[in-house]
Amino acid sequence: MNTKQIKQLKSFGHTLSPVVTVGQHGMKESINNEIEIALDYHQLIKLKINLGDREQRDELIQSLAEQHKAMLVQRIGNVALFYRENKDKPSIFRNLV
């Protein structure tokens, strides 16, 4: 993915609201299912992670990216932006020159 595409993903993500919120009690299987469904449908999703400290959030964000085969586009505080292309849907980069 080139820098132009990453900039476009960040600008798209700016207008998004978090689709899933991970609370202070951590991950549950239902949250993983919601993330999977959201990535398949939207391709670009914003997650809000309300865990105790920064290290825990970083670990969870990295494990979610690996587990769902998604790219971490941006992380600001406790909000992370993930992207995973869906081959069955039109590319979100169709307007990119």
Protein backbone atom coordinates (compact mmCIF):
# COMPACT_ATOMS: atom_id res chain seq x y z
CA MET A 1 0.00 0.00 0.00
CA ASN A 2 1.46 3.36 -0.95
CA THR A 3 1.46 6.57 1.08
CA LYS A 4 -1.28 8.15 -1.02
CA GLN A 5 -3.62 5.27 -0.22
CA ILE A 6 -2.76 5.43 3.49
CA LYS A 7 -3.49 9.17 3.54
CA GLN A 8 -6.84 8.51 1.88
CA LEU A 9 -7.69 5.81 4.43
CA LYS A 10 -6.85 8.20 7.26
CA SER A 11 -9.09 10.89 5.76
CA PHE A 12 -11.95 8.38 5.33
CA GLY A 13 -11.44 7.18 8.90
CA HIS A 14 -11.61 10.69 10.29
CA THR A 15 -15.35 10.83 9.62
CA LEU A 16 -16.09 7.35 10.99
CA SER A 17 -17.51 6.57 14.39
CA PRO A 18 -16.18 3.54 16.28
CA VAL A 19 -18.00 0.41 15.13
CA VAL A 20 -16.86 -1.70 18.08
CA THR A 21 -15.85 -0.72 21.60
CA VAL A 22 -13.70 -3.01 23.71
CA GLY A 23 -14.46 -2.29 27.35
CA GLN A 24 -12.37 -2.54 30.48
CA HIS A 25 -13.21 -6.25 30.79
CA GLY A 26 -11.27 -7.04 27.61
CA MET A 27 -12.08 -9.16 24.59
CA LYS A 28 -14.92 -11.62 24.20
CA GLU A 29 -15.66 -13.94 21.31
CA SER A 30 -18.70 -11.87 20.34
CA ILE A 31 -16.45 -8.82 19.90
CA ASN A 32 -14.20 -10.79 17.54
CA ASN A 33 -17.27 -11.82 15.55
CA GLU A 34 -18.43 -8.19 15.29
CA ILE A 35 -14.99 -7.06 14.12
CA GLU A 36 -14.92 -9.78 11.47
CA ILE A 37 -18.38 -8.86 10.18
CA ALA A 38 -17.57 -5.13 10.18
CA LEU A 39 -14.30 -5.64 8.28
CA ASP A 40 -16.02 -7.80 5.67
CA TYR A 41 -18.76 -5.26 5.16
CA HIS A 42 -17.02 -1.89 5.57
CA GLN A 43 -13.36 -2.76 4.88
CA LEU A 44 -12.32 0.27 6.99
CA ILE A 45 -13.39 0.34 10.63
CA LYS A 46 -12.63 2.32 13.74
CA LEU A 47 -12.32 0.57 17.12
CA LYS A 48 -12.34 2.15 20.55
CA ILE A 49 -10.25 0.28 23.12
CA ASN A 50 -10.93 1.19 26.75
CA LEU A 51 -8.32 -0.94 28.50
CA GLY A 52 -6.25 0.04 31.49
CA ASP A 53 -2.84 1.15 30.29
CA ARG A 54 -1.08 1.91 27.03
CA GLU A 55 0.87 -1.37 26.88
CA GLN A 56 -2.31 -3.44 27.17
CA ARG A 57 -3.96 -1.40 24.41
CA ASP A 58 -0.91 -1.75 22.15
CA GLU A 59 -0.81 -5.52 22.65
CA LEU A 60 -4.53 -5.88 21.99
CA ILE A 61 -4.40 -3.71 18.86
CA GLN A 62 -1.48 -5.72 17.45
CA SER A 63 -3.16 -9.05 18.21
CA LEU A 64 -6.41 -7.87 16.60
CA ALA A 65 -4.56 -6.82 13.45
CA GLU A 66 -2.86 -10.21 13.23
CA GLN A 67 -5.94 -12.23 14.14
CA HIS A 68 -8.19 -10.51 11.59
CA LYS A 69 -5.45 -10.12 8.94
CA ALA A 70 -6.10 -6.38 8.91
CA MET A 71 -3.74 -3.46 8.52
CA LEU A 72 -3.47 -0.96 11.34
CA VAL A 73 -3.78 2.34 9.49
CA GLN A 74 -3.67 4.71 12.43
CA ARG A 75 -3.82 4.73 16.20
CA ILE A 76 -4.59 7.83 18.22
CA GLY A 77 -4.98 7.33 21.96
CA ASN A 78 -7.49 4.57 22.53
CA VAL A 79 -8.89 4.60 18.98
CA ALA A 80 -7.51 2.39 16.21
CA LEU A 81 -8.31 2.41 12.49
CA PHE A 82 -8.14 -0.95 10.68
CA TYR A 83 -8.34 -1.76 6.98
CA ARG A 84 -8.83 -5.11 5.26
CA GLU A 85 -9.66 -5.34 1.58
CA ASN A 86 -12.67 -7.41 0.60
CA LYS A 87 -12.16 -8.91 -2.86
CA ASP A 88 -15.93 -9.28 -3.33
CA LYS A 89 -16.61 -5.55 -2.88
CA PRO A 90 -15.51 -2.57 -4.96
CA SER A 91 -12.25 -1.00 -3.89
CA ILE A 92 -12.53 2.06 -1.69
CA PHE A 93 -9.63 3.48 -3.71
CA ARG A 94 -11.62 3.74 -6.94
CA ASN A 95 -11.48 7.56 -6.88
CA LEU A 96 -7.75 7.71 -6.20
CA VAL A 97 -5.73 9.04 -9.13
